C-alpha atoms as a PDB file:
ATOM      1  CA  MET A   1      -2.044  16.549  77.296  1.00  0.00           C
ATOM      2  CA  LYS A   2      -5.614  16.943  76.108  1.00  0.00           C
ATOM      3  CA  ARG A   3      -4.646  20.233  74.506  1.00  0.00           C
ATOM      4  CA  LEU A   4      -1.778  18.542  72.643  1.00  0.00           C
ATOM      5  CA  ILE A   5      -4.119  15.847  71.401  1.00  0.00           C
ATOM      6  CA  ARG A   6      -6.561  18.509  70.183  1.00  0.00           C
ATOM      7  CA  VAL A   7      -3.720  20.270  68.368  1.00  0.00           C
ATOM      8  CA  ILE A   8      -2.582  17.037  66.765  1.00  0.00           C
ATOM      9  CA  ILE A   9      -6.139  16.251  65.693  1.00  0.00           C
ATOM     10  CA  LEU A  10      -6.477  19.767  64.281  1.00  0.00           C
ATOM     11  CA  VAL A  11      -3.211  19.502  62.376  1.00  0.00           C
ATOM     12  CA  VAL A  12      -4.100  16.067  61.026  1.00  0.00           C
ATOM     13  CA  GLY A  13      -7.531  17.318  60.033  1.00  0.00           C
ATOM     14  CA  LEU A  14      -6.112  20.350  58.261  1.00  0.00           C
ATOM     15  CA  ALA A  15      -3.522  18.158  56.516  1.00  0.00           C
ATOM     16  CA  SER A  16      -6.248  15.771  55.467  1.00  0.00           C
ATOM     17  CA  ILE A  17      -8.304  18.624  54.115  1.00  0.00           C
ATOM     18  CA  GLY A  18      -5.264  19.957  52.307  1.00  0.00           C
ATOM     19  CA  ILE A  19      -4.393  16.603  50.794  1.00  0.00           C
ATOM     20  CA  THR A  20      -7.998  16.040  49.769  1.00  0.00           C
ATOM     21  CA  SER A  21      -8.166  19.500  48.216  1.00  0.00           C
ATOM     22  CA  LEU A  22      -4.872  18.915  46.437  1.00  0.00           C
ATOM     23  CA  PHE A  23      -6.129  15.551  45.144  1.00  0.00           C
ATOM     24  CA  ILE A  24      -9.392  17.105  43.914  1.00  0.00           C
ATOM     25  CA  TRP A  25      -7.428  19.894  42.232  1.00  0.00           C
ATOM     26  CA  PHE A  26      -5.065  17.379  40.643  1.00  0.00           C
ATOM     27  CA  GLN A  27      -7.948  15.274  39.336  1.00  0.00           C
ATOM     28  CA  HIS A  28      -9.523  18.402  37.910  1.00  0.00           C
ATOM     29  CA  GLU A  29      -6.284  19.338  36.170  1.00  0.00           C
ATOM     30  CA  VAL A  30      -5.881  15.870  34.721  1.00  0.00           C
ATOM     31  CA  LYS A  31      -9.426  15.793  33.375  1.00  0.00           C
ATOM     32  CA  ASP A  32      -9.591  19.442  32.330  1.00  0.00           C
ATOM     33  CA  THR A  33      -9.164  20.047  28.608  1.00  0.00           C
ATOM     34  CA  VAL A  34      -5.790  21.263  27.395  1.00  0.00           C
ATOM     35  CA  PRO A  35      -5.584  24.667  25.685  1.00  0.00           C
ATOM     36  CA  LEU A  36      -5.554  23.438  22.095  1.00  0.00           C
ATOM     37  CA  THR A  37      -7.386  25.551  19.506  1.00  0.00           C
ATOM     38  CA  SER A  38      -6.478  23.394  16.500  1.00  0.00           C
ATOM     39  CA  PRO A  39      -5.076  19.888  15.918  1.00  0.00           C
ATOM     40  CA  VAL A  40      -1.377  19.475  16.653  1.00  0.00           C
ATOM     41  CA  VAL A  41       0.954  16.717  15.441  1.00  0.00           C
ATOM     42  CA  VAL A  42       3.735  15.746  17.842  1.00  0.00           C
ATOM     43  CA  VAL A  43       6.528  13.281  17.216  1.00  0.00           C
ATOM     44  CA  ILE A  44       7.750  11.370  20.269  1.00  0.00           C
ATOM     45  CA  GLU A  45      11.153  10.053  19.340  1.00  0.00           C
ATOM     46  CA  PRO A  46      12.411   6.623  20.420  1.00  0.00           C
ATOM     47  CA  GLY A  47      14.338   6.796  23.707  1.00  0.00           C
ATOM     48  CA  MET A  48      12.491   9.825  25.098  1.00  0.00           C
ATOM     49  CA  GLY A  49      11.687   9.439  28.785  1.00  0.00           C
ATOM     50  CA  LEU A  50       8.819  10.872  30.797  1.00  0.00           C
ATOM     51  CA  THR A  51      10.538  14.191  31.510  1.00  0.00           C
ATOM     52  CA  SER A  52      11.494  14.693  27.873  1.00  0.00           C
ATOM     53  CA  ILE A  53       7.989  13.802  26.707  1.00  0.00           C
ATOM     54  CA  SER A  54       6.477  16.261  29.198  1.00  0.00           C
ATOM     55  CA  LYS A  55       8.737  19.053  27.962  1.00  0.00           C
ATOM     56  CA  LYS A  56       7.991  18.147  24.343  1.00  0.00           C
ATOM     57  CA  LEU A  57       4.244  18.410  24.918  1.00  0.00           C
ATOM     58  CA  VAL A  58       4.719  21.819  26.540  1.00  0.00           C
ATOM     59  CA  SER A  59       6.922  23.071  23.692  1.00  0.00           C
ATOM     60  CA  GLU A  60       4.277  22.000  21.173  1.00  0.00           C
ATOM     61  CA  ASN A  61       1.567  23.819  23.222  1.00  0.00           C
ATOM     62  CA  VAL A  62      -0.309  20.590  23.878  1.00  0.00           C
ATOM     63  CA  ILE A  63      -0.166  21.044  27.665  1.00  0.00           C
ATOM     64  CA  THR A  64       0.767  24.005  29.890  1.00  0.00           C
ATOM     65  CA  ASN A  65       2.028  22.260  33.026  1.00  0.00           C
ATOM     66  CA  PRO A  66       4.597  19.485  32.539  1.00  0.00           C
ATOM     67  CA  TRP A  67       4.390  18.462  36.200  1.00  0.00           C
ATOM     68  CA  ILE A  68       0.694  17.605  35.996  1.00  0.00           C
ATOM     69  CA  PHE A  69       1.411  15.264  33.087  1.00  0.00           C
ATOM     70  CA  HIS A  70       4.518  13.920  34.817  1.00  0.00           C
ATOM     71  CA  PHE A  71       2.773  13.098  38.102  1.00  0.00           C
ATOM     72  CA  ALA A  72      -0.301  11.718  36.344  1.00  0.00           C
ATOM     73  CA  ALA A  73       1.916   9.210  34.545  1.00  0.00           C
ATOM     74  CA  ARG A  74       3.705   8.332  37.796  1.00  0.00           C
ATOM     75  CA  LEU A  75       0.527   7.912  39.824  1.00  0.00           C
ATOM     76  CA  THR A  76      -1.033   5.605  37.227  1.00  0.00           C
ATOM     77  CA  GLY A  77       2.123   3.487  37.115  1.00  0.00           C
ATOM     78  CA  GLN A  78       2.357   3.989  33.354  1.00  0.00           C
ATOM     79  CA  SER A  79       5.381   6.255  33.172  1.00  0.00           C
ATOM     80  CA  ARG A  80       7.406   3.545  31.389  1.00  0.00           C
ATOM     81  CA  SER A  81       4.578   2.560  29.041  1.00  0.00           C
ATOM     82  CA  LEU A  82       4.583   5.704  26.900  1.00  0.00           C
ATOM     83  CA  LYS A  83       5.465   4.794  23.321  1.00  0.00           C
ATOM     84  CA  ALA A  84       7.317   6.630  20.608  1.00  0.00           C
ATOM     85  CA  GLY A  85       5.463   7.628  17.468  1.00  0.00           C
ATOM     86  CA  GLU A  86       3.665  10.369  15.582  1.00  0.00           C
ATOM     87  CA  TYR A  87       0.539  11.532  17.411  1.00  0.00           C
ATOM     88  CA  ARG A  88      -2.305  13.914  16.574  1.00  0.00           C
ATOM     89  CA  PHE A  89      -3.889  15.800  19.483  1.00  0.00           C
ATOM     90  CA  VAL A  90      -7.150  17.696  18.977  1.00  0.00           C
ATOM     91  CA  PRO A  91      -9.054  20.407  20.884  1.00  0.00           C
ATOM     92  CA  GLY A  92     -11.065  18.975  23.758  1.00  0.00           C
ATOM     93  CA  THR A  93      -8.279  16.589  24.750  1.00  0.00           C
ATOM     94  CA  ASN A  94      -7.216  16.343  28.406  1.00  0.00           C
ATOM     95  CA  VAL A  95      -4.122  14.992  30.126  1.00  0.00           C
ATOM     96  CA  ALA A  96      -5.792  11.633  30.757  1.00  0.00           C
ATOM     97  CA  ASP A  97      -6.597  11.347  27.034  1.00  0.00           C
ATOM     98  CA  ILE A  98      -3.009  12.184  26.116  1.00  0.00           C
ATOM     99  CA  LEU A  99      -1.655   9.541  28.470  1.00  0.00           C
ATOM    100  CA  ALA A 100      -4.083   6.940  27.137  1.00  0.00           C
ATOM    101  CA  LYS A 101      -3.080   7.741  23.537  1.00  0.00           C
ATOM    102  CA  LEU A 102       0.627   7.412  24.276  1.00  0.00           C
ATOM    103  CA  ILE A 103       0.129   4.174  26.194  1.00  0.00           C
ATOM    104  CA  ALA A 104      -2.065   2.631  23.490  1.00  0.00           C
ATOM    105  CA  HIS A 105       0.339   3.740  20.735  1.00  0.00           C
ATOM    106  CA  ASP A 106      -2.591   5.431  18.985  1.00  0.00           C
ATOM    107  CA  VAL A 107      -0.375   6.937  16.300  1.00  0.00           C
ATOM    108  CA  ILE A 108      -1.087   8.570  12.962  1.00  0.00           C
ATOM    109  CA  ILE A 109      -1.360   6.005  10.169  1.00  0.00           C
ATOM    110  CA  ARG A 110      -0.079   7.218   6.822  1.00  0.00           C
ATOM    111  CA  PHE A 111      -1.123   5.582   3.562  1.00  0.00           C
ATOM    112  CA  ILE A 112       0.604   4.851   0.281  1.00  0.00           C
ATOM    113  CA  THR A 113      -1.183   3.560  -2.813  1.00  0.00           C
ATOM    114  CA  ILE A 114       0.773   1.352  -5.185  1.00  0.00           C
ATOM    115  CA  PRO A 115      -0.876   1.409  -8.641  1.00  0.00           C
ATOM    116  CA  GLU A 116      -1.242  -1.795 -10.604  1.00  0.00           C
ATOM    117  CA  GLY A 117       1.043  -2.377 -13.569  1.00  0.00           C
ATOM    118  CA  LEU A 118       4.219  -0.684 -12.333  1.00  0.00           C
ATOM    119  CA  THR A 119       7.592  -2.373 -12.483  1.00  0.00           C
ATOM    120  CA  THR A 120       9.259  -3.273  -9.199  1.00  0.00           C
ATOM    121  CA  ASP A 121      11.780  -0.457  -9.700  1.00  0.00           C
ATOM    122  CA  LYS A 122       8.979   2.082 -10.060  1.00  0.00           C
ATOM    123  CA  ILE A 123       7.292   0.790  -6.908  1.00  0.00           C
ATOM    124  CA  ILE A 124      10.545   1.134  -4.984  1.00  0.00           C
ATOM    125  CA  GLU A 125      10.829   4.714  -6.260  1.00  0.00           C
ATOM    126  CA  LEU A 126       7.407   5.421  -4.727  1.00  0.00           C
ATOM    127  CA  ILE A 127       8.441   3.767  -1.472  1.00  0.00           C
ATOM    128  CA  MET A 128      11.651   5.809  -1.369  1.00  0.00           C
ATOM    129  CA  SER A 129       9.728   9.075  -1.809  1.00  0.00           C
ATOM    130  CA  ALA A 130       7.045   8.264   0.793  1.00  0.00           C
ATOM    131  CA  GLU A 131       7.259  10.629   3.758  1.00  0.00           C
ATOM    132  CA  GLY A 132       7.941   9.015   7.117  1.00  0.00           C
ATOM    133  CA  LEU A 133       9.522   5.768   5.958  1.00  0.00           C
ATOM    134  CA  ILE A 134      13.145   5.091   6.831  1.00  0.00           C
ATOM    135  CA  GLY A 135      15.973   2.833   5.745  1.00  0.00           C
ATOM    136  CA  ALA A 136      16.964   1.220   2.478  1.00  0.00           C
ATOM    137  CA  PRO A 137      14.934  -1.325   0.497  1.00  0.00           C
ATOM    138  CA  PRO A 138      16.276  -4.833  -0.099  1.00  0.00           C
ATOM    139  CA  ALA A 139      19.102  -4.969  -2.623  1.00  0.00           C
ATOM    140  CA  TYR A 140      17.004  -7.048  -5.029  1.00  0.00           C
ATOM    141  CA  MET A 141      13.320  -7.780  -5.455  1.00  0.00           C
ATOM    142  CA  PRO A 142      12.081  -9.892  -8.385  1.00  0.00           C
ATOM    143  CA  GLU A 143       9.618  -8.426 -10.862  1.00  0.00           C
ATOM    144  CA  GLY A 144       6.051  -9.281  -9.902  1.00  0.00           C
ATOM    145  CA  SER A 145       6.867 -10.213  -6.304  1.00  0.00           C
ATOM    146  CA  LEU A 146       4.773  -7.427  -4.719  1.00  0.00           C
ATOM    147  CA  LEU A 147       1.024  -6.862  -4.461  1.00  0.00           C
ATOM    148  CA  PRO A 148      -0.213  -3.419  -5.534  1.00  0.00           C
ATOM    149  CA  GLU A 149      -2.672  -2.130  -2.936  1.00  0.00           C
ATOM    150  CA  THR A 150      -3.090   0.770  -0.500  1.00  0.00           C
ATOM    151  CA  TYR A 151      -0.917   0.186   2.557  1.00  0.00           C
ATOM    152  CA  GLY A 152      -0.911   1.887   5.943  1.00  0.00           C
ATOM    153  CA  TYR A 153       2.319   2.583   7.792  1.00  0.00           C
ATOM    154  CA  GLU A 154       3.637   4.506  10.773  1.00  0.00           C
ATOM    155  CA  ARG A 155       6.225   7.240  10.725  1.00  0.00           C
ATOM    156  CA  GLY A 156       9.587   5.605  11.346  1.00  0.00           C
ATOM    157  CA  GLN A 157       8.606   2.262   9.815  1.00  0.00           C
ATOM    158  CA  SER A 158      11.311   0.769   7.619  1.00  0.00           C
ATOM    159  CA  ARG A 159      10.941   0.565   3.872  1.00  0.00           C
ATOM    160  CA  ALA A 160      12.155  -3.022   4.009  1.00  0.00           C
ATOM    161  CA  ALA A 161       9.320  -3.923   6.414  1.00  0.00           C
ATOM    162  CA  LEU A 162       6.673  -2.371   4.159  1.00  0.00           C
ATOM    163  CA  LEU A 163       8.038  -4.154   1.090  1.00  0.00           C
ATOM    164  CA  SER A 164       8.130  -7.390   3.070  1.00  0.00           C
ATOM    165  CA  GLN A 165       4.441  -6.926   3.901  1.00  0.00           C
ATOM    166  CA  MET A 166       3.674  -6.393   0.210  1.00  0.00           C
ATOM    167  CA  THR A 167       5.490  -9.624  -0.603  1.00  0.00           C
ATOM    168  CA  ARG A 168       3.656 -11.568   2.115  1.00  0.00           C
ATOM    169  CA  ASP A 169       0.278 -10.261   0.923  1.00  0.00           C
ATOM    170  CA  ARG A 170       1.101 -11.261  -2.640  1.00  0.00           C
ATOM    171  CA  ASP A 171       2.247 -14.746  -1.582  1.00  0.00           C
ATOM    172  CA  GLN A 172      -0.886 -15.254   0.522  1.00  0.00           C
ATOM    173  CA  LEU A 173      -3.159 -14.243  -2.361  1.00  0.00           C
ATOM    174  CA  MET A 174      -1.286 -16.473  -4.787  1.00  0.00           C
ATOM    175  CA  ALA A 175      -1.562 -19.469  -2.472  1.00  0.00           C
ATOM    176  CA  GLU A 176      -5.325 -18.951  -2.202  1.00  0.00           C
ATOM    177  CA  LEU A 177      -5.754 -18.556  -5.959  1.00  0.00           C
ATOM    178  CA  TRP A 178      -3.596 -21.573  -6.720  1.00  0.00           C
ATOM    179  CA  HIS A 179      -5.790 -23.853  -4.622  1.00  0.00           C
ATOM    180  CA  THR A 180      -9.030 -22.544  -6.189  1.00  0.00           C
ATOM    181  CA  ARG A 181      -7.808 -22.317  -9.807  1.00  0.00           C
ATOM    182  CA  LYS A 182      -9.673 -23.705 -12.785  1.00  0.00           C
ATOM    183  CA  ASN A 183      -8.598 -27.031 -14.185  1.00  0.00           C
ATOM    184  CA  ASP A 184      -6.534 -27.390 -17.359  1.00  0.00           C
ATOM    185  CA  LEU A 185      -4.738 -24.050 -17.195  1.00  0.00           C
ATOM    186  CA  PRO A 186      -1.608 -23.855 -19.361  1.00  0.00           C
ATOM    187  CA  PHE A 187       0.880 -22.899 -16.678  1.00  0.00           C
ATOM    188  CA  LEU A 188       2.792 -25.192 -14.394  1.00  0.00           C
ATOM    189  CA  ASN A 189       3.285 -23.083 -11.285  1.00  0.00           C
ATOM    190  CA  ILE A 190       2.575 -19.805  -9.551  1.00  0.00           C
ATOM    191  CA  ASP A 191       5.522 -18.038 -11.169  1.00  0.00           C
ATOM    192  CA  GLU A 192       4.181 -18.719 -14.655  1.00  0.00           C
ATOM    193  CA  ALA A 193       0.735 -17.541 -13.585  1.00  0.00           C
ATOM    194  CA  VAL A 194       2.214 -14.229 -12.436  1.00  0.00           C
ATOM    195  CA  VAL A 195       3.978 -13.809 -15.794  1.00  0.00           C
ATOM    196  CA  LEU A 196       0.678 -14.247 -17.619  1.00  0.00           C
ATOM    197  CA  ALA A 197      -1.130 -11.936 -15.188  1.00  0.00           C
ATOM    198  CA  SER A 198       1.455  -9.225 -15.810  1.00  0.00           C
ATOM    199  CA  ILE A 199       0.676  -9.382 -19.547  1.00  0.00           C
ATOM    200  CA  VAL A 200      -3.054  -9.185 -18.871  1.00  0.00           C
ATOM    201  CA  GLU A 201      -2.403  -6.212 -16.583  1.00  0.00           C
ATOM    202  CA  LYS A 202      -0.589  -4.287 -19.310  1.00  0.00           C
ATOM    203  CA  GLU A 203      -3.048  -5.196 -22.060  1.00  0.00           C
ATOM    204  CA  THR A 204      -6.155  -3.717 -20.443  1.00  0.00           C
ATOM    205  CA  SER A 205      -6.904  -1.180 -17.746  1.00  0.00           C
ATOM    206  CA  ILE A 206     -10.561  -2.231 -17.562  1.00  0.00           C
ATOM    207  CA  ARG A 207     -11.042  -4.500 -14.561  1.00  0.00           C
ATOM    208  CA  GLU A 208     -14.161  -6.193 -15.974  1.00  0.00           C
ATOM    209  CA  GLU A 209     -12.302  -7.077 -19.187  1.00  0.00           C
ATOM    210  CA  ARG A 210      -9.338  -8.871 -17.670  1.00  0.00           C
ATOM    211  CA  GLN A 211     -10.941 -12.314 -17.488  1.00  0.00           C
ATOM    212  CA  HIS A 212     -11.736 -12.052 -21.196  1.00  0.00           C
ATOM    213  CA  VAL A 213      -8.203 -10.958 -22.106  1.00  0.00           C
ATOM    214  CA  ALA A 214      -6.847 -13.775 -19.939  1.00  0.00           C
ATOM    215  CA  SER A 215      -9.023 -16.278 -21.807  1.00  0.00           C
ATOM    216  CA  VAL A 216      -7.524 -15.177 -25.143  1.00  0.00           C
ATOM    217  CA  PHE A 217      -3.951 -15.746 -24.008  1.00  0.00           C
ATOM    218  CA  ILE A 218      -4.840 -19.030 -22.325  1.00  0.00           C
ATOM    219  CA  ASN A 219      -6.557 -20.230 -25.513  1.00  0.00           C
ATOM    220  CA  ARG A 220      -3.463 -19.282 -27.527  1.00  0.00           C
ATOM    221  CA  LEU A 221      -1.127 -21.066 -25.114  1.00  0.00           C
ATOM    222  CA  LYS A 222      -3.250 -24.201 -25.257  1.00  0.00           C
ATOM    223  CA  ARG A 223      -3.103 -24.190 -29.058  1.00  0.00           C
ATOM    224  CA  GLY A 224       0.638 -23.574 -29.145  1.00  0.00           C
ATOM    225  CA  MET A 225       0.202 -20.128 -30.722  1.00  0.00           C
ATOM    226  CA  LYS A 226       2.490 -17.188 -30.075  1.00  0.00           C
ATOM    227  CA  LEU A 227       1.025 -14.675 -27.628  1.00  0.00           C
ATOM    228  CA  GLN A 228       1.852 -11.672 -29.867  1.00  0.00           C
ATOM    229  CA  SER A 229       1.534  -9.153 -27.059  1.00  0.00           C
ATOM    230  CA  ASP A 230       2.865  -5.632 -27.699  1.00  0.00           C
ATOM    231  CA  PRO A 231       3.574  -4.904 -23.987  1.00  0.00           C
ATOM    232  CA  THR A 232       6.002  -7.820 -23.817  1.00  0.00           C
ATOM    233  CA  VAL A 233       7.933  -6.444 -26.786  1.00  0.00           C
ATOM    234  CA  ILE A 234       8.009  -2.984 -25.189  1.00  0.00           C
ATOM    235  CA  TYR A 235       9.333  -4.401 -21.936  1.00  0.00           C
ATOM    236  CA  GLY A 236      12.070  -6.245 -23.811  1.00  0.00           C
ATOM    237  CA  LEU A 237      13.113  -2.967 -25.411  1.00  0.00           C
ATOM    238  CA  ASN A 238      12.797  -0.872 -22.253  1.00  0.00           C
ATOM    239  CA  PRO A 239      12.541  -2.841 -18.967  1.00  0.00           C
ATOM    240  CA  SER A 240      12.440   0.388 -16.923  1.00  0.00           C
ATOM    241  CA  GLY A 241       8.658   0.512 -17.239  1.00  0.00           C
ATOM    242  CA  GLU A 242       8.727   3.938 -18.882  1.00  0.00           C
ATOM    243  CA  GLY A 243       7.211   2.647 -22.126  1.00  0.00           C
ATOM    244  CA  LEU A 244       8.105   4.017 -25.544  1.00  0.00           C
ATOM    245  CA  GLY A 245       5.696   6.935 -25.787  1.00  0.00           C
ATOM    246  CA  ARG A 246       4.714   5.846 -29.295  1.00  0.00           C
ATOM    247  CA  SER A 247       3.529   2.870 -31.297  1.00  0.00           C
ATOM    248  CA  LEU A 248       5.880  -0.023 -31.941  1.00  0.00           C
ATOM    249  CA  ARG A 249       7.804   0.031 -35.197  1.00  0.00           C
ATOM    250  CA  ARG A 250       7.977  -3.022 -37.432  1.00  0.00           C
ATOM    251  CA  SER A 251      11.727  -3.244 -36.815  1.00  0.00           C
ATOM    252  CA  GLU A 252      11.052  -3.427 -33.078  1.00  0.00           C
ATOM    253  CA  LEU A 253       8.493  -6.185 -33.539  1.00  0.00           C
ATOM    254  CA  GLU A 254      11.200  -8.092 -35.378  1.00  0.00           C
ATOM    255  CA  LYS A 255      13.935  -7.437 -32.852  1.00  0.00           C
ATOM    256  CA  ALA A 256      14.960 -10.585 -30.981  1.00  0.00           C
ATOM    257  CA  THR A 257      14.656 -10.324 -27.192  1.00  0.00           C
ATOM    258  CA  PRO A 258      13.560 -12.951 -24.649  1.00  0.00           C
ATOM    259  CA  PHE A 259      10.343 -10.940 -24.231  1.00  0.00           C
ATOM    260  CA  ASN A 260       9.340 -10.694 -27.889  1.00  0.00           C
ATOM    261  CA  THR A 261       6.216 -12.847 -28.016  1.00  0.00           C
ATOM    262  CA  TYR A 262       5.874 -12.185 -31.760  1.00  0.00           C
ATOM    263  CA  LEU A 263       9.041 -14.222 -32.256  1.00  0.00           C
ATOM    264  CA  ASN A 264       9.039 -16.570 -29.240  1.00  0.00           C
ATOM    265  CA  TYR A 265       6.500 -19.191 -28.270  1.00  0.00           C
ATOM    266  CA  GLY A 266       5.144 -19.499 -24.749  1.00  0.00           C
ATOM    267  CA  LEU A 267       5.484 -17.116 -21.856  1.00  0.00           C
ATOM    268  CA  PRO A 268       8.292 -14.583 -21.405  1.00  0.00           C
ATOM    269  CA  PRO A 269      10.992 -15.485 -18.881  1.00  0.00           C
ATOM    270  CA  SER A 270       9.646 -13.178 -16.155  1.00  0.00           C
ATOM    271  CA  PRO A 271       6.763 -10.787 -15.435  1.00  0.00           C
ATOM    272  CA  ILE A 272       6.747  -7.499 -17.320  1.00  0.00           C
ATOM    273  CA  CYS A 273       5.165  -5.544 -14.456  1.00  0.00           C
ATOM    274  CA  THR A 274       3.546  -5.999 -11.064  1.00  0.00           C
ATOM    275  CA  PRO A 275       0.005  -7.297 -11.671  1.00  0.00           C
ATOM    276  CA  GLY A 276      -2.831  -6.372  -9.343  1.00  0.00           C
ATOM    277  CA  SER A 277      -5.292  -8.717  -7.709  1.00  0.00           C
ATOM    278  CA  ALA A 278      -7.849  -8.429 -10.549  1.00  0.00           C
ATOM    279  CA  ALA A 279      -5.335  -9.544 -13.184  1.00  0.00           C
ATOM    280  CA  LEU A 280      -4.075 -12.340 -10.928  1.00  0.00           C
ATOM    281  CA  ARG A 281      -7.595 -13.584 -10.310  1.00  0.00           C
ATOM    282  CA  ALA A 282      -8.353 -13.383 -14.027  1.00  0.00           C
ATOM    283  CA  VAL A 283      -5.644 -15.839 -15.079  1.00  0.00           C
ATOM    284  CA  PHE A 284      -6.721 -18.356 -12.449  1.00  0.00           C
ATOM    285  CA  ASN A 285     -10.396 -18.005 -13.345  1.00  0.00           C
ATOM    286  CA  PRO A 286     -10.772 -16.833 -16.966  1.00  0.00           C
ATOM    287  CA  ILE A 287     -14.154 -16.772 -18.622  1.00  0.00           C
ATOM    288  CA  ASN A 288     -14.866 -19.551 -21.105  1.00  0.00           C
ATOM    289  CA  THR A 289     -14.449 -18.330 -24.671  1.00  0.00           C
ATOM    290  CA  LEU A 290     -13.041 -19.541 -27.986  1.00  0.00           C
ATOM    291  CA  ASP A 291     -11.532 -16.123 -28.696  1.00  0.00           C
ATOM    292  CA  LEU A 292      -7.952 -15.937 -29.970  1.00  0.00           C
ATOM    293  CA  TYR A 293      -7.666 -12.245 -30.841  1.00  0.00           C
ATOM    294  CA  PHE A 294      -8.539  -8.779 -29.589  1.00  0.00           C
ATOM    295  CA  VAL A 295      -7.944  -5.206 -30.688  1.00  0.00           C
ATOM    296  CA  ALA A 296      -8.769  -1.775 -29.274  1.00  0.00           C
ATOM    297  CA  ASP A 297     -12.323  -0.573 -29.872  1.00  0.00           C
ATOM    298  CA  GLY A 298     -11.642   3.147 -29.506  1.00  0.00           C
ATOM    299  CA  THR A 299     -13.406   3.533 -26.162  1.00  0.00           C
ATOM    300  CA  GLY A 300     -10.614   2.229 -23.947  1.00  0.00           C
ATOM    301  CA  GLY A 301     -11.752  -1.371 -24.227  1.00  0.00           C
ATOM    302  CA  HIS A 302     -11.312  -4.126 -26.786  1.00  0.00           C
ATOM    303  CA  VAL A 303     -13.304  -6.105 -29.316  1.00  0.00           C
ATOM    304  CA  PHE A 304     -12.661  -9.860 -29.378  1.00  0.00           C
ATOM    305  CA  ALA A 305     -12.703 -12.423 -32.164  1.00  0.00           C
ATOM    306  CA  GLU A 306     -12.471 -16.210 -32.607  1.00  0.00           C
ATOM    307  CA  THR A 307     -11.103 -16.180 -36.157  1.00  0.00           C
ATOM    308  CA  LEU A 308      -8.345 -14.292 -37.930  1.00  0.00           C
ATOM    309  CA  THR A 309     -10.797 -13.126 -40.611  1.00  0.00           C
ATOM    310  CA  GLU A 310     -13.062 -11.584 -38.012  1.00  0.00           C
ATOM    311  CA  HIS A 311     -10.046 -10.082 -36.232  1.00  0.00           C
ATOM    312  CA  ASN A 312      -8.752  -8.499 -39.442  1.00  0.00           C
ATOM    313  CA  ARG A 313     -12.126  -6.799 -39.924  1.00  0.00           C
ATOM    314  CA  ASN A 314     -11.924  -5.474 -36.364  1.00  0.00           C
ATOM    315  CA  VAL A 315      -8.384  -4.215 -36.937  1.00  0.00           C
ATOM    316  CA  ALA A 316      -9.454  -2.422 -40.112  1.00  0.00           C
ATOM    317  CA  GLN A 317     -12.320  -0.829 -38.229  1.00  0.00           C
ATOM    318  CA  TRP A 318      -9.931   0.302 -35.482  1.00  0.00           C
ATOM    319  CA  ARG A 319      -7.524   1.800 -38.013  1.00  0.00           C
ATOM    320  CA  ARG A 320     -10.325   3.764 -39.692  1.00  0.00           C
ATOM    321  CA  LEU A 321     -11.478   4.996 -36.292  1.00  0.00           C
ATOM    322  CA  LYS A 322      -7.929   5.883 -35.285  1.00  0.00           C
ATOM    323  CA  MET A 323      -7.361   7.849 -38.476  1.00  0.00           C
ATOM    324  CA  GLY A 324     -10.569   9.758 -37.860  1.00  0.00           C
ATOM    325  CA  LEU A 325      -9.536  10.576 -34.312  1.00  0.00           C
ATOM    326  CA  GLU A 326      -6.091  11.730 -35.432  1.00  0.00           C
ATOM    327  CA  ALA A 327      -7.647  13.887 -38.149  1.00  0.00           C
ATOM    328  CA  ASN A 328      -9.770  15.666 -35.560  1.00  0.00           C
END
């Protein structure tokens, strides 16, 4: 009987040693770095279970033993918490790190920059060509309803969701600007403000100049003057946003469209592009001037004037400069 007890104790002791050794080995394997020599990007598709994920990581040479990863996930109770997505794994990573990344949904964030001044159709073209986005955009989005910025997104995110975020960001900014706007501005609502901002956006690419350009158009609106903005005429002739690739002809300035601000008083019926935050802020907070005119100065900016006489001198100076540039 005593001998049997000693045997049982010996067996239990050896089993305990074996289990302890196995546990120490397992911990070592989990914490040991995986054999990566360069960063690897792995896409875990929606619906993949633990076994499929383990095999995927092996096939992408992220790990060598799928069972170590499998059991590590089981033992931590996180086997059902692994999330789909696009992941980047780097040298020095271990199985524990991989599990933590998949649980935390620490995915690659891609970025898309939407330039200011594009039409909505052109923005949607960019969205459609962006790698990693899926699905169709909404059937219709009004001109000027998006906010041009740099946006982050995950692989597999829908185009509709990204466009919806751009709309929400624009609406939030507009609400803030509306409540902090200057008094006595010549537009009745946010929609009219966006129309004016779109004109400012197309008239100047210099951020610091937009408040001055905005003040000119606001002064003209207050006096009941026509805006006489070339970009509005161009949009009326070609709403695609492609432009004309040349200067406007006199016949085009005289062509009747709802966007011809040489013929029509007030604002056009809709925005002519998607204005950025600087142009939007400019129309809500223009600088105080008496200026009613501006013309290019040859350096990318503009020279401003209060009177038509002064403006005509500036135009003549610009034409002389332009002729000199063309001659060279």
